[in-house]
N, C-alpha and C. Protein backbone atom coordinates (compact mmCIF):
# COMPACT_ATOMS: atom_id res chain seq x y z
N MET A 1 8.64 -8.30 -40.86
CA MET A 1 9.05 -7.07 -41.52
C MET A 1 7.86 -6.13 -41.59
N ALA A 2 8.02 -4.94 -41.10
CA ALA A 2 6.95 -3.94 -41.17
C ALA A 2 6.97 -3.31 -42.56
N VAL A 3 5.79 -3.15 -43.13
CA VAL A 3 5.68 -2.56 -44.46
C VAL A 3 4.99 -1.20 -44.31
N ASP A 4 5.60 -0.33 -43.50
CA ASP A 4 4.99 0.95 -43.24
C ASP A 4 5.61 2.08 -44.04
N ASP A 5 6.58 1.77 -44.87
CA ASP A 5 7.16 2.78 -45.76
C ASP A 5 7.47 2.13 -47.10
N CYS A 6 7.74 2.95 -48.10
CA CYS A 6 7.95 2.42 -49.46
C CYS A 6 9.20 1.57 -49.57
N LYS A 7 10.25 1.85 -48.81
CA LYS A 7 11.45 1.02 -48.87
C LYS A 7 11.13 -0.41 -48.46
N SER A 8 10.41 -0.59 -47.37
CA SER A 8 10.01 -1.93 -46.93
C SER A 8 9.05 -2.55 -47.92
N PHE A 9 8.18 -1.72 -48.48
CA PHE A 9 7.21 -2.18 -49.47
C PHE A 9 7.94 -2.77 -50.67
N ILE A 10 8.94 -2.07 -51.17
CA ILE A 10 9.71 -2.53 -52.33
C ILE A 10 10.38 -3.86 -52.03
N ALA A 11 10.89 -4.00 -50.81
CA ALA A 11 11.57 -5.24 -50.44
C ALA A 11 10.63 -6.44 -50.52
N CYS A 12 9.34 -6.21 -50.38
CA CYS A 12 8.35 -7.29 -50.41
C CYS A 12 7.69 -7.47 -51.77
N LEU A 13 7.95 -6.58 -52.70
CA LEU A 13 7.21 -6.55 -53.96
C LEU A 13 7.29 -7.87 -54.73
N SER A 14 8.49 -8.35 -54.97
CA SER A 14 8.63 -9.61 -55.71
C SER A 14 8.00 -10.77 -54.95
N ARG A 15 8.27 -10.82 -53.66
CA ARG A 15 7.72 -11.92 -52.85
C ARG A 15 6.21 -11.89 -52.84
N TYR A 16 5.62 -10.70 -52.87
CA TYR A 16 4.16 -10.58 -52.89
C TYR A 16 3.61 -11.19 -54.18
N PHE A 17 4.20 -10.85 -55.32
CA PHE A 17 3.72 -11.38 -56.60
C PHE A 17 3.98 -12.88 -56.73
N GLU A 18 5.00 -13.36 -56.07
CA GLU A 18 5.30 -14.80 -56.09
C GLU A 18 4.51 -15.54 -55.01
N GLU A 19 3.71 -14.79 -54.24
CA GLU A 19 2.93 -15.35 -53.13
C GLU A 19 3.83 -16.08 -52.14
N ASP A 20 4.96 -15.43 -51.83
CA ASP A 20 5.96 -16.01 -50.95
C ASP A 20 6.16 -15.16 -49.68
N ILE A 21 5.05 -14.62 -49.14
CA ILE A 21 5.13 -13.88 -47.89
C ILE A 21 4.07 -14.41 -46.94
N ASP A 22 4.36 -14.27 -45.65
CA ASP A 22 3.39 -14.77 -44.68
C ASP A 22 2.19 -13.82 -44.60
N ASP A 23 1.14 -14.29 -43.99
CA ASP A 23 -0.12 -13.53 -43.96
C ASP A 23 0.03 -12.17 -43.30
N GLU A 24 0.79 -12.08 -42.23
CA GLU A 24 0.95 -10.81 -41.51
C GLU A 24 1.61 -9.75 -42.41
N VAL A 25 2.66 -10.14 -43.13
CA VAL A 25 3.34 -9.21 -44.03
C VAL A 25 2.44 -8.85 -45.20
N ARG A 26 1.70 -9.83 -45.72
CA ARG A 26 0.78 -9.57 -46.83
C ARG A 26 -0.26 -8.53 -46.43
N ILE A 27 -0.80 -8.65 -45.22
CA ILE A 27 -1.80 -7.70 -44.73
C ILE A 27 -1.20 -6.30 -44.64
N GLU A 28 0.02 -6.19 -44.09
CA GLU A 28 0.69 -4.88 -44.00
C GLU A 28 0.97 -4.33 -45.39
N PHE A 29 1.41 -5.19 -46.30
CA PHE A 29 1.70 -4.79 -47.68
C PHE A 29 0.44 -4.20 -48.32
N GLU A 30 -0.67 -4.91 -48.21
CA GLU A 30 -1.92 -4.46 -48.83
C GLU A 30 -2.46 -3.20 -48.17
N ARG A 31 -2.24 -3.06 -46.87
CA ARG A 31 -2.66 -1.82 -46.18
C ARG A 31 -1.84 -0.64 -46.70
N HIS A 32 -0.54 -0.81 -46.84
CA HIS A 32 0.31 0.25 -47.38
C HIS A 32 -0.14 0.60 -48.80
N LEU A 33 -0.46 -0.41 -49.56
CA LEU A 33 -0.90 -0.21 -50.94
C LEU A 33 -2.17 0.64 -51.01
N ARG A 34 -3.09 0.45 -50.08
CA ARG A 34 -4.33 1.23 -50.06
C ARG A 34 -4.09 2.72 -49.84
N PHE A 35 -3.08 3.06 -49.05
CA PHE A 35 -2.89 4.44 -48.63
C PHE A 35 -1.76 5.18 -49.35
N CYS A 36 -1.01 4.49 -50.19
CA CYS A 36 0.17 5.13 -50.81
C CYS A 36 0.06 5.09 -52.33
N SER A 37 -0.09 6.25 -52.93
CA SER A 37 -0.20 6.31 -54.39
C SER A 37 1.10 5.88 -55.08
N ASN A 38 2.25 6.16 -54.46
CA ASN A 38 3.53 5.70 -55.04
C ASN A 38 3.59 4.17 -55.08
N ALA A 39 3.13 3.54 -54.03
CA ALA A 39 3.13 2.08 -53.97
C ALA A 39 2.20 1.51 -55.04
N ARG A 40 1.05 2.12 -55.21
CA ARG A 40 0.12 1.66 -56.25
C ARG A 40 0.75 1.80 -57.64
N ALA A 41 1.47 2.87 -57.87
CA ALA A 41 2.14 3.07 -59.16
C ALA A 41 3.22 2.01 -59.36
N MET A 42 3.95 1.67 -58.30
CA MET A 42 4.97 0.62 -58.40
C MET A 42 4.34 -0.72 -58.76
N VAL A 43 3.24 -1.06 -58.11
CA VAL A 43 2.57 -2.33 -58.38
C VAL A 43 2.06 -2.34 -59.82
N HIS A 44 1.50 -1.24 -60.27
CA HIS A 44 1.00 -1.16 -61.64
C HIS A 44 2.15 -1.40 -62.63
N THR A 45 3.28 -0.76 -62.40
CA THR A 45 4.45 -0.93 -63.27
C THR A 45 4.93 -2.37 -63.25
N PHE A 46 4.99 -2.96 -62.07
CA PHE A 46 5.43 -4.34 -61.93
C PHE A 46 4.47 -5.28 -62.66
N GLU A 47 3.17 -5.05 -62.50
CA GLU A 47 2.17 -5.88 -63.19
C GLU A 47 2.31 -5.77 -64.70
N ARG A 48 2.48 -4.56 -65.20
CA ARG A 48 2.63 -4.37 -66.65
C ARG A 48 3.88 -5.08 -67.16
N THR A 49 4.95 -5.04 -66.40
CA THR A 49 6.18 -5.73 -66.79
C THR A 49 5.95 -7.23 -66.87
N ILE A 50 5.24 -7.78 -65.90
CA ILE A 50 4.94 -9.21 -65.89
C ILE A 50 4.09 -9.57 -67.11
N ILE A 51 3.08 -8.77 -67.39
CA ILE A 51 2.21 -9.04 -68.55
C ILE A 51 3.00 -9.00 -69.84
N LEU A 52 3.84 -8.00 -70.00
CA LEU A 52 4.65 -7.90 -71.22
C LEU A 52 5.60 -9.09 -71.35
N HIS A 53 6.17 -9.48 -70.25
CA HIS A 53 7.08 -10.64 -70.28
C HIS A 53 6.33 -11.92 -70.66
N ARG A 54 5.15 -12.11 -70.11
CA ARG A 54 4.38 -13.31 -70.44
C ARG A 54 3.99 -13.36 -71.90
N ARG A 55 3.75 -12.22 -72.49
CA ARG A 55 3.41 -12.17 -73.92
C ARG A 55 4.59 -12.56 -74.79
N ASN A 56 5.78 -12.36 -74.29
CA ASN A 56 7.00 -12.64 -75.07
C ASN A 56 7.79 -13.79 -74.46
N ARG A 57 7.11 -14.81 -74.00
CA ARG A 57 7.81 -15.92 -73.34
C ARG A 57 8.82 -16.62 -74.23
N SER A 58 8.65 -16.52 -75.52
CA SER A 58 9.60 -17.18 -76.42
C SER A 58 10.98 -16.53 -76.34
N GLN A 59 11.04 -15.33 -75.79
CA GLN A 59 12.30 -14.63 -75.65
C GLN A 59 12.70 -14.60 -74.18
N ASP A 60 13.97 -14.82 -73.92
CA ASP A 60 14.46 -14.69 -72.55
C ASP A 60 14.52 -13.21 -72.18
N PRO A 61 14.19 -12.88 -70.92
CA PRO A 61 14.31 -11.47 -70.51
C PRO A 61 15.78 -11.06 -70.54
N PRO A 62 16.04 -9.81 -70.78
CA PRO A 62 17.43 -9.34 -70.79
C PRO A 62 18.11 -9.61 -69.45
N GLU A 63 19.39 -9.88 -69.51
CA GLU A 63 20.19 -10.12 -68.31
C GLU A 63 20.07 -8.94 -67.34
N GLY A 64 19.78 -9.22 -66.09
CA GLY A 64 19.71 -8.19 -65.06
C GLY A 64 18.43 -7.36 -65.06
N LEU A 65 17.41 -7.77 -65.83
CA LEU A 65 16.17 -6.98 -65.92
C LEU A 65 15.53 -6.79 -64.55
N HIS A 66 15.44 -7.85 -63.78
CA HIS A 66 14.79 -7.77 -62.47
C HIS A 66 15.50 -6.75 -61.58
N GLN A 67 16.83 -6.81 -61.54
CA GLN A 67 17.60 -5.88 -60.70
C GLN A 67 17.42 -4.44 -61.17
N ARG A 68 17.41 -4.23 -62.50
CA ARG A 68 17.22 -2.87 -63.02
C ARG A 68 15.83 -2.34 -62.71
N LEU A 69 14.83 -3.20 -62.79
CA LEU A 69 13.46 -2.79 -62.48
C LEU A 69 13.34 -2.37 -61.02
N ILE A 70 13.87 -3.18 -60.12
CA ILE A 70 13.81 -2.85 -58.69
C ILE A 70 14.60 -1.56 -58.42
N ALA A 71 15.76 -1.39 -59.05
CA ALA A 71 16.56 -0.16 -58.86
C ALA A 71 15.78 1.06 -59.34
N ALA A 72 15.08 0.94 -60.46
CA ALA A 72 14.30 2.07 -60.97
C ALA A 72 13.15 2.40 -60.04
N ILE A 73 12.50 1.38 -59.50
CA ILE A 73 11.40 1.61 -58.56
C ILE A 73 11.94 2.27 -57.30
N GLU A 74 13.06 1.79 -56.79
CA GLU A 74 13.65 2.39 -55.57
C GLU A 74 14.02 3.85 -55.81
N LYS A 75 14.51 4.17 -56.99
CA LYS A 75 14.87 5.55 -57.30
C LYS A 75 13.66 6.46 -57.22
N CYS A 76 12.49 5.96 -57.56
CA CYS A 76 11.26 6.76 -57.51
C CYS A 76 10.87 7.13 -56.08
N THR A 77 11.36 6.39 -55.11
CA THR A 77 10.97 6.65 -53.72
C THR A 77 11.97 7.55 -53.00
N GLU A 78 13.04 7.94 -53.67
CA GLU A 78 14.05 8.79 -53.01
C GLU A 78 13.58 10.21 -52.90
């Protein structure tokens, strides 16, 4: 999968944080991240969400949170 645009970047976002992508895709992902301010903002938002969730592990995340987060990020790239 080529990660040369934000749509492809978003598709890899979860897998990147879960370390579930092959080296070639990871390299393309990180290259896109270096040159795209929107992608950096998405990663920052995703990281903050993960940190907040880890702080509140005693609570289950709301139903559908992951899907809503990805939908909100995708909306930013339209």
